[in-house]
Amino acid sequence: MKIYAEAYGCAANMADSEIALGILKSRGHELVSNPHEADALIIFTCVVKKPTSDRMIYRISRLSELEKKLIVAGCMVPGEPEKIKRFAPRAIMIHPRAITMIHEAVEKDKSFYSEHGSIKLGFPRIRRSPIIAIIPVSEGCSWRRCSFCIVARTRGSHISYPMNAILMEASKALEEGVKEIWLTSQDMGGYGIESGRSLLPELINEVSDLSGLYLVRIGMMNPLYINPILEKLAQAYLKPRIFKFLHLPVQSGSDKVLRDMMRGYSVSLFKKIVKHMRSKIPGLTLSTDIIVGYPTEDEEDFEETIRLIEEVKPDMMNISRYFPRPRTSAEKLKPLDPKIVKKRSRILSEIAREIALKSSERWIGWSGIALIDEIGERGEAIARNQSYRPIVIDKPGKELYGKFVEVEVEDARPYCLLARFKKIADHEETAAALGLELAFNRA
């Protein structure tokens, strides 16, 4: 059977799509890039934000018009199944936690509306990028209290995957030529929390001690679980193969709003974590998330968010306007005037852009090793250095993709650096630049 697929949303959803397509190809199905050529269409959906959900419905409607077998996977299945049925009544649906049963959905027209299947490790993959391995380390959210969040319900009950299974997945990926590993979950801070505390530092240490030249990106973590492991986490981040990149969502600079959101932490805890990690990790890139216009956010709350951002100065910010999500407790709250929310979003975006530009400008003149892990829309090479800074290079990406190169940063933009290509780095140069001289010689 010829299969066409589209995937949207977070890294965990991308991993689901890779696993699903790997399973289908291993069973003899053919993957095609044109939906008109396919016998079956699969869409891996995201519903974390209303605008994204609206886009999913548009794509489901368009795919449904082709009158082919349509499989809807991803978070919309448990999150907004009634919408799927309204716009594609004949669609086959598969829960994110049942994605390893994708062959039954395709071959037997069987829907899976609830959790089913096994740990998502050890399966064949069709990687979106041949040099990037997206490895889920857990599934579901262990906190499950946030008033605005639909993900706790869509991804199911929390489970951390065995560390040895994660290490086997990472080792296999490296043997297949992967250069960059993304450890991902709904909340990396909750990894191993079933034991009584987060085991994230131990996981980072184990994954970073495998052999070879590669780098590891750690996914988003809730501040809630970080405080008890803060010193161990900072030490783990100092491992040479770990990207010095911390994605720590704060969501609001107002303790009142954080309580209303039921986030479980305070602004002071967020600042404590940032201060400690920055003091221990040179070149740390801090990314955070902000929700603007939560229903209980007044002008003073918004000003507190601005003050926090101007004090902490995150290198990257993801700013989202609040939209109610179905069957969340915040859905019942009276929303703010959309004009107010739009204005606040614009103000914060301008501040974030100014901070990001100043942060980027500090890298002008830097020279060092970076990994080409992306090809831009115009075919240009995009690299990441150890601080996970995007670096646009004046060379075609196709010929350098997957290589470690030496570059010199000559200019900066708010969300990327502009660099001159110097040369392709050999293994010894790369190992030395990453601080892996001994580890590389033993490998």
Protein backbone atom coordinates (compact mmCIF):
# COMPACT_ATOMS: atom_id res chain seq x y z
CA MET A 1 0.00 0.00 0.00
CA LYS A 2 1.25 3.51 -0.79
CA ILE A 3 1.34 5.77 2.28
CA TYR A 4 1.41 9.57 2.47
CA ALA A 5 1.97 11.29 5.85
CA GLU A 6 2.03 14.76 7.41
CA ALA A 7 3.25 15.50 10.93
CA TYR A 8 2.83 18.60 13.11
CA GLY A 9 3.65 19.71 16.62
CA CYS A 10 6.28 18.82 19.18
CA ALA A 11 9.36 16.59 19.00
CA ALA A 12 7.43 13.75 20.66
CA ASN A 13 4.88 13.86 17.85
CA MET A 14 7.68 13.86 15.28
CA ALA A 15 9.12 10.77 16.99
CA ASP A 16 5.69 9.11 16.79
CA SER A 17 5.54 9.77 13.06
CA GLU A 18 9.05 8.35 12.55
CA ILE A 19 8.13 5.18 14.44
CA ALA A 20 4.81 4.75 12.64
CA LEU A 21 6.36 5.15 9.19
CA GLY A 22 9.24 2.86 10.14
CA ILE A 23 6.79 0.13 11.17
CA LEU A 24 4.77 0.52 7.97
CA LYS A 25 7.81 0.44 5.70
CA SER A 26 9.12 -2.66 7.49
CA ARG A 27 5.82 -4.36 6.64
CA GLY A 28 6.27 -3.67 2.93
CA HIS A 29 4.29 -0.46 2.52
CA GLU A 30 5.65 2.25 0.23
CA LEU A 31 6.01 5.86 1.39
CA VAL A 32 5.15 8.57 -1.13
CA SER A 33 5.44 12.36 -1.03
CA ASN A 34 2.27 13.17 -2.96
CA PRO A 35 -1.15 12.50 -1.36
CA HIS A 36 -2.74 12.00 -4.79
CA GLU A 37 -0.47 8.99 -5.39
CA ALA A 38 -1.27 7.34 -2.04
CA ASP A 39 -3.73 4.62 -1.06
CA ALA A 40 -3.76 5.78 2.59
CA LEU A 41 -3.19 9.18 4.17
CA ILE A 42 -1.93 9.73 7.73
CA ILE A 43 -1.90 13.02 9.63
CA PHE A 44 -0.15 13.30 13.01
CA THR A 45 -2.02 16.10 14.73
CA CYS A 46 -1.30 18.68 17.46
CA VAL A 47 -3.92 20.47 19.58
CA VAL A 48 -1.82 22.25 22.22
CA LYS A 49 -2.99 25.65 20.90
CA LYS A 50 -6.29 26.59 19.30
CA PRO A 51 -4.73 28.09 16.14
CA THR A 52 -2.85 24.83 15.64
CA SER A 53 -6.02 22.83 16.22
CA ASP A 54 -7.81 24.96 13.62
CA ARG A 55 -5.02 24.25 11.14
CA MET A 56 -5.35 20.51 11.83
CA ILE A 57 -9.06 20.63 11.01
CA TYR A 58 -8.29 22.45 7.77
CA ARG A 59 -5.73 19.79 6.78
CA ILE A 60 -8.04 16.93 7.82
CA SER A 61 -10.82 18.44 5.71
CA ARG A 62 -8.58 18.82 2.68
CA LEU A 63 -7.20 15.29 2.97
CA SER A 64 -10.70 13.91 3.47
CA GLU A 65 -11.76 15.47 0.17
CA LEU A 66 -9.37 13.13 -1.65
CA GLU A 67 -11.69 10.24 -0.70
CA LYS A 68 -8.87 7.91 0.28
CA LYS A 69 -8.32 5.95 3.48
CA LEU A 70 -7.56 8.60 6.14
CA ILE A 71 -5.86 7.84 9.46
CA VAL A 72 -5.83 10.63 12.03
CA ALA A 73 -3.14 10.16 14.70
CA GLY A 74 -1.70 12.40 17.39
CA CYS A 75 -3.19 14.48 20.18
CA MET A 76 -6.42 15.47 18.43
CA VAL A 77 -7.72 11.90 18.77
CA PRO A 78 -8.07 11.98 22.59
CA GLY A 79 -8.26 15.78 22.73
CA GLU A 80 -10.93 16.76 20.19
CA PRO A 81 -12.32 13.58 18.58
CA GLU A 82 -15.69 15.18 17.95
CA LYS A 83 -14.05 17.65 15.54
CA ILE A 84 -12.45 14.83 13.58
CA LYS A 85 -15.80 13.03 13.29
CA ARG A 86 -17.51 16.24 12.18
CA PHE A 87 -15.10 16.97 9.33
CA ALA A 88 -13.98 13.43 8.46
CA PRO A 89 -16.63 10.98 9.70
CA ARG A 90 -14.97 7.99 8.05
CA ALA A 91 -11.50 8.68 9.43
CA ILE A 92 -9.68 5.93 11.29
CA MET A 93 -8.30 7.27 14.58
CA ILE A 94 -5.29 6.20 16.61
CA HIS A 95 -4.34 7.45 20.09
CA PRO A 96 -0.74 8.73 20.56
CA ARG A 97 -0.14 5.91 23.03
CA ALA A 98 -1.23 3.32 20.45
CA ILE A 99 1.01 4.48 17.61
CA THR A 100 2.94 1.18 17.55
CA MET A 101 -0.33 -0.40 16.36
CA ILE A 102 -0.36 1.80 13.25
CA HIS A 103 -0.21 -1.26 10.96
CA GLU A 104 -3.59 -2.43 12.26
CA ALA A 105 -5.08 0.99 11.59
CA VAL A 106 -3.76 0.97 8.02
CA GLU A 107 -4.24 -2.70 7.16
CA LYS A 108 -7.42 -3.53 9.13
CA ASP A 109 -9.11 -0.11 9.34
CA LYS A 110 -9.00 -0.44 13.13
CA SER A 111 -9.28 2.64 15.37
CA PHE A 112 -7.57 2.94 18.76
CA TYR A 113 -9.23 5.56 20.95
CA SER A 114 -7.26 4.92 24.15
CA GLU A 115 -3.83 3.91 25.41
CA HIS A 116 -2.62 0.68 23.85
CA GLY A 117 0.65 -0.80 22.79
CA SER A 118 4.20 -0.79 24.09
CA ILE A 119 7.08 1.49 24.99
CA LYS A 120 8.05 3.46 21.89
CA LEU A 121 11.63 2.25 21.72
CA GLY A 122 13.29 -0.46 19.66
CA PHE A 123 11.08 -0.01 16.60
CA PRO A 124 12.26 0.71 13.04
CA ARG A 125 12.40 4.40 12.14
CA ILE A 126 12.07 6.61 9.11
CA ARG A 127 13.94 9.64 10.42
CA ARG A 128 12.92 13.12 9.33
CA SER A 129 16.64 13.87 9.44
CA PRO A 130 19.23 11.11 8.98
CA ILE A 131 21.54 12.79 11.49
CA ILE A 132 19.02 13.57 14.26
CA ALA A 133 17.57 10.90 16.56
CA ILE A 134 14.46 11.96 18.48
CA ILE A 135 14.27 9.63 21.48
CA PRO A 136 11.21 9.70 23.77
CA VAL A 137 12.24 8.99 27.36
CA SER A 138 8.78 9.10 28.96
CA GLU A 139 5.17 9.57 28.04
CA GLY A 140 2.44 11.62 29.67
CA CYS A 141 2.62 14.31 32.33
CA SER A 142 3.14 13.40 35.99
CA TRP A 143 1.92 16.82 37.24
CA ARG A 144 -1.39 16.90 35.33
CA ARG A 145 -2.76 19.95 37.17
CA CYS A 146 -2.11 22.92 34.88
CA SER A 147 -5.42 24.70 34.35
CA PHE A 148 -4.83 25.60 30.69
CA CYS A 149 -3.15 22.48 29.35
CA ILE A 150 -4.79 19.84 27.20
CA VAL A 151 -1.63 17.72 26.82
CA ALA A 152 -1.97 15.91 30.16
CA ARG A 153 -5.20 14.39 28.88
CA THR A 154 -4.13 13.76 25.29
CA ARG A 155 -0.88 11.95 26.10
CA GLY A 156 -2.23 9.69 28.82
CA SER A 157 -0.91 8.52 32.17
CA HIS A 158 2.74 9.10 33.00
CA ILE A 159 5.38 6.44 32.47
CA SER A 160 9.17 6.77 32.36
CA TYR A 161 10.93 4.41 29.97
CA PRO A 162 13.72 2.13 31.32
CA MET A 163 17.11 3.79 31.10
CA ASN A 164 18.74 0.76 29.49
CA ALA A 165 16.13 0.82 26.70
CA ILE A 166 16.86 4.51 26.07
CA LEU A 167 20.61 3.79 25.95
CA MET A 168 20.07 0.94 23.49
CA GLU A 169 18.00 3.25 21.27
CA ALA A 170 20.71 5.94 21.40
CA SER A 171 23.51 3.45 20.69
CA LYS A 172 21.65 2.05 17.68
CA ALA A 173 21.04 5.56 16.35
CA LEU A 174 24.74 6.42 16.64
CA GLU A 175 25.65 3.22 14.81
CA GLU A 176 23.33 4.37 12.01
CA GLY A 177 25.25 7.64 11.62
CA VAL A 178 23.26 10.01 13.84
CA LYS A 179 25.21 13.05 15.05
CA GLU A 180 22.58 14.73 17.24
CA ILE A 181 20.28 13.15 19.84
CA TRP A 182 17.15 14.85 21.14
CA LEU A 183 15.90 13.48 24.45
CA THR A 184 12.24 14.38 24.51
CA SER A 185 9.07 13.98 26.57
CA GLN A 186 6.12 16.05 27.73
CA ASP A 187 8.33 17.10 30.68
CA MET A 188 11.98 16.04 30.89
CA GLY A 189 12.06 17.11 34.53
CA GLY A 190 9.59 14.35 35.34
CA TYR A 191 11.80 11.56 34.02
CA GLY A 192 12.00 8.82 36.66
CA ILE A 193 9.78 10.74 39.08
CA GLU A 194 8.11 7.44 39.98
CA SER A 195 11.22 6.75 42.06
CA GLY A 196 10.47 9.76 44.27
CA ARG A 197 12.61 12.31 42.44
CA SER A 198 13.67 13.17 38.93
CA LEU A 199 16.38 10.92 37.48
CA LEU A 200 17.16 13.33 34.66
CA PRO A 201 20.81 13.98 35.70
CA GLU A 202 21.52 10.25 35.73
CA LEU A 203 19.95 9.86 32.30
CA ILE A 204 21.98 12.73 30.86
CA ASN A 205 25.20 11.28 32.26
CA GLU A 206 24.53 7.84 30.79
CA VAL A 207 23.54 9.08 27.32
CA SER A 208 26.50 11.45 27.16
CA ASP A 209 28.98 8.64 27.96
CA LEU A 210 28.36 6.64 24.78
CA SER A 211 31.17 6.51 22.22
CA GLY A 212 31.50 8.76 19.19
CA LEU A 213 31.20 12.33 18.03
CA TYR A 214 27.67 13.53 18.73
CA LEU A 215 25.73 16.15 20.66
CA VAL A 216 22.64 15.82 22.87
CA ARG A 217 19.75 18.25 23.22
CA ILE A 218 17.66 18.05 26.39
CA GLY A 219 13.98 18.87 25.94
CA MET A 220 11.64 21.11 27.94
CA MET A 221 11.50 20.71 31.72
CA ASN A 222 9.03 22.10 34.25
CA PRO A 223 10.76 24.11 37.02
CA LEU A 224 8.64 22.17 39.52
CA TYR A 225 10.86 19.08 39.49
CA ILE A 226 14.24 20.76 39.03
CA ASN A 227 14.94 22.27 42.43
CA PRO A 228 15.71 18.96 44.23
CA ILE A 229 18.19 17.94 41.49
CA LEU A 230 19.57 21.39 40.64
CA GLU A 231 23.24 20.78 41.48
CA LYS A 232 23.28 17.33 39.86
CA LEU A 233 21.56 18.73 36.77
CA ALA A 234 24.13 21.51 36.39
CA GLN A 235 26.96 18.99 36.67
CA ALA A 236 25.35 16.75 34.07
CA TYR A 237 25.00 19.70 31.68
CA LEU A 238 28.77 20.22 31.89
CA LYS A 239 29.33 16.95 30.06
CA PRO A 240 31.04 17.82 26.73
CA ARG A 241 28.44 16.20 24.48
CA ILE A 242 25.48 18.03 26.04
CA PHE A 243 24.18 21.14 24.28
CA LYS A 244 24.28 24.02 26.77
CA PHE A 245 20.61 24.68 26.09
CA LEU A 246 17.99 24.94 28.84
CA HIS A 247 14.30 25.07 27.91
CA LEU A 248 12.61 26.15 31.14
CA PRO A 249 9.05 27.50 30.70
CA VAL A 250 7.93 30.11 33.22
CA GLN A 251 4.57 31.01 31.54
CA SER A 252 4.06 34.18 33.65
CA GLY A 253 6.03 36.61 35.78
CA SER A 254 3.15 36.88 38.25
CA ASP A 255 2.92 34.49 41.19
CA LYS A 256 -0.83 35.11 41.29
CA VAL A 257 -1.25 34.00 37.69
CA LEU A 258 1.04 31.01 38.26
CA ARG A 259 -1.18 29.95 41.15
CA ASP A 260 -4.26 30.37 38.98
CA MET A 261 -2.55 28.32 36.29
CA MET A 262 -1.75 25.70 38.97
CA ARG A 263 1.83 25.49 37.81
CA GLY A 264 3.20 24.38 41.18
CA TYR A 265 6.17 26.77 41.38
CA SER A 266 6.90 30.44 41.98
CA VAL A 267 8.73 33.14 40.04
CA SER A 268 11.49 33.08 42.65
CA LEU A 269 12.10 29.36 42.03
CA PHE A 270 12.37 29.98 38.28
CA LYS A 271 14.91 32.74 38.90
CA LYS A 272 16.85 30.54 41.33
CA ILE A 273 17.17 27.77 38.76
CA VAL A 274 18.26 30.17 36.02
CA LYS A 275 20.82 31.88 38.25
CA HIS A 276 22.33 28.58 39.36
CA MET A 277 22.49 27.04 35.88
CA ARG A 278 24.04 30.18 34.39
CA SER A 279 26.63 30.38 37.16
CA LYS A 280 27.73 26.80 36.54
CA ILE A 281 27.45 26.48 32.77
CA PRO A 282 29.42 28.90 30.55
CA GLY A 283 27.61 29.85 27.35
CA LEU A 284 24.22 28.56 28.50
CA THR A 285 21.35 29.41 26.14
CA LEU A 286 18.11 29.92 28.03
CA SER A 287 14.76 29.44 26.32
CA THR A 288 11.46 30.05 28.07
CA ASP A 289 7.74 30.09 27.30
CA ILE A 290 5.20 32.80 28.13
CA ILE A 291 1.40 32.66 27.91
CA VAL A 292 -0.01 36.15 27.37
CA GLY A 293 -3.59 37.00 28.30
CA TYR A 294 -4.51 34.26 30.74
CA PRO A 295 -8.06 35.13 31.89
CA THR A 296 -6.98 36.27 35.38
CA GLU A 297 -3.98 38.29 34.14
CA ASP A 298 -4.48 42.01 34.88
CA GLU A 299 -2.21 44.91 33.91
CA GLU A 300 -0.05 44.53 37.02
CA ASP A 301 0.42 40.82 36.33
CA PHE A 302 1.52 41.63 32.81
CA GLU A 303 3.93 44.30 34.07
CA GLU A 304 5.41 41.69 36.41
CA THR A 305 5.99 39.43 33.42
CA ILE A 306 7.76 42.26 31.61
CA ARG A 307 9.92 42.94 34.68
CA LEU A 308 10.86 39.28 34.93
CA ILE A 309 11.83 39.05 31.27
CA GLU A 310 13.87 42.25 31.45
CA GLU A 311 15.64 40.95 34.56
CA VAL A 312 16.32 37.37 33.43
CA LYS A 313 16.84 38.21 29.74
CA PRO A 314 16.11 34.80 28.16
CA ASP A 315 18.03 34.21 24.96
CA MET A 316 14.93 32.76 23.31
CA MET A 317 11.23 33.15 24.09
CA ASN A 318 8.16 31.34 22.84
CA ILE A 319 5.21 33.72 23.31
CA SER A 320 1.69 32.34 23.00
CA ARG A 321 -1.63 34.10 23.34
CA TYR A 322 -4.01 32.28 25.66
CA PHE A 323 -6.82 30.34 24.04
CA PRO A 324 -9.14 28.05 26.04
CA ARG A 325 -8.70 24.36 25.36
CA PRO A 326 -11.57 21.89 25.69
CA ARG A 327 -12.21 20.22 29.03
CA THR A 328 -9.55 22.18 30.90
CA SER A 329 -10.47 24.01 34.10
CA ALA A 330 -9.48 27.39 32.62
CA GLU A 331 -11.96 26.90 29.79
CA LYS A 332 -14.74 28.05 32.14
CA LEU A 333 -13.05 31.41 32.88
CA LYS A 334 -14.18 34.60 31.17
CA PRO A 335 -11.59 35.45 28.52
CA LEU A 336 -9.89 38.83 28.28
CA ASP A 337 -10.66 41.24 25.47
CA PRO A 338 -8.78 39.90 22.40
CA LYS A 339 -7.54 43.43 21.65
CA ILE A 340 -5.85 43.57 25.06
CA VAL A 341 -4.28 40.17 24.56
CA LYS A 342 -3.04 41.12 21.10
CA LYS A 343 -1.53 44.36 22.42
CA ARG A 344 0.25 42.59 25.28
CA SER A 345 1.57 39.95 22.92
CA ARG A 346 2.97 42.63 20.60
CA ILE A 347 4.64 44.51 23.47
CA LEU A 348 6.25 41.37 24.87
CA SER A 349 7.35 40.19 21.42
CA GLU A 350 9.14 43.49 20.81
CA ILE A 351 10.91 43.26 24.17
CA ALA A 352 11.86 39.63 23.49
CA ARG A 353 13.26 40.56 20.08
CA GLU A 354 15.45 43.31 21.55
CA ILE A 355 16.78 40.98 24.24
CA ALA A 356 17.43 38.23 21.70
CA LEU A 357 19.34 40.59 19.42
CA LYS A 358 21.61 41.78 22.23
CA SER A 359 22.17 38.18 23.25
CA SER A 360 23.09 37.22 19.69
CA GLU A 361 25.42 40.18 19.24
CA ARG A 362 27.62 38.90 22.06
CA TRP A 363 28.61 36.04 19.76
CA ILE A 364 30.05 38.27 17.01
CA GLY A 365 33.69 37.38 16.60
CA TRP A 366 33.29 33.87 18.02
CA SER A 367 35.12 31.17 16.11
CA GLY A 368 34.68 27.47 16.72
CA ILE A 369 33.16 24.13 15.80
CA ALA A 370 29.48 23.66 14.96
CA LEU A 371 27.37 20.85 13.52
CA ILE A 372 25.42 21.40 10.28
CA ASP A 373 22.05 19.93 11.27
CA GLU A 374 19.61 21.85 9.08
CA ILE A 375 19.16 23.14 5.54
CA GLY A 376 17.37 26.48 5.28
CA GLU A 377 14.50 27.38 2.98
CA ARG A 378 16.95 28.80 0.43
CA GLY A 379 19.30 25.81 0.68
CA GLU A 380 21.73 27.48 3.06
CA ALA A 381 23.61 25.55 5.74
CA ILE A 382 22.43 26.05 9.33
CA ALA A 383 24.60 24.81 12.17
CA ARG A 384 24.44 24.59 15.96
CA ASN A 385 27.37 25.17 18.25
CA GLN A 386 27.60 23.70 21.76
CA SER A 387 25.28 26.43 23.05
CA TYR A 388 22.68 25.32 20.46
CA ARG A 389 22.87 28.69 18.73
CA PRO A 390 21.50 28.60 15.16
CA ILE A 391 24.29 29.70 12.83
CA VAL A 392 23.54 30.48 9.19
CA ILE A 393 26.61 29.83 7.04
CA ASP A 394 27.48 31.22 3.65
CA LYS A 395 27.60 27.77 2.03
CA PRO A 396 25.03 25.41 0.47
CA GLY A 397 23.66 23.08 3.12
CA LYS A 398 23.44 19.96 0.97
CA GLU A 399 27.21 19.46 0.68
CA LEU A 400 27.87 20.11 4.38
CA TYR A 401 24.86 18.46 6.00
CA GLY A 402 25.80 16.30 8.97
CA LYS A 403 29.37 17.59 9.14
CA PHE A 404 31.20 19.37 11.93
CA VAL A 405 32.65 22.59 10.57
CA GLU A 406 34.74 25.49 11.80
CA VAL A 407 33.04 28.86 11.42
CA GLU A 408 33.52 32.48 12.44
CA VAL A 409 30.50 34.57 13.45
CA GLU A 410 30.50 37.89 11.60
CA ASP A 411 27.01 39.26 12.26
CA ALA A 412 23.90 38.59 14.30
CA ARG A 413 20.14 38.64 14.03
CA PRO A 414 17.70 38.24 16.92
CA TYR A 415 17.23 34.53 16.39
CA CYS A 416 20.33 33.42 14.51
CA LEU A 417 24.01 34.14 13.96
CA LEU A 418 25.60 34.77 10.55
CA ALA A 419 28.96 33.13 10.03
CA ARG A 420 31.76 32.64 7.54
CA PHE A 421 32.66 29.06 6.69
CA LYS A 422 36.29 28.28 7.41
CA LYS A 423 36.66 24.54 6.89
CA ILE A 424 35.30 21.09 7.55
CA ALA A 425 36.73 19.91 10.86
CA ASP A 426 38.34 16.48 11.05
CA HIS A 427 37.56 14.04 13.87
CA GLU A 428 40.50 15.02 16.04
CA GLU A 429 39.73 18.74 15.75
CA THR A 430 36.06 18.16 16.53
CA ALA A 431 36.83 15.95 19.52
CA ALA A 432 39.27 18.50 20.90
CA ALA A 433 36.80 21.37 20.41
CA LEU A 434 34.09 19.43 22.23
CA GLY A 435 36.48 18.54 25.05
CA LEU A 436 36.51 14.88 24.06
CA GLU A 437 40.21 14.24 23.39
CA LEU A 438 40.47 11.29 25.77
CA ALA A 439 36.97 9.97 25.20
CA PHE A 440 37.46 10.09 21.44
CA ASN A 441 40.81 8.29 21.56
CA ARG A 442 39.26 5.48 23.60
CA ALA A 443 36.23 5.22 21.29
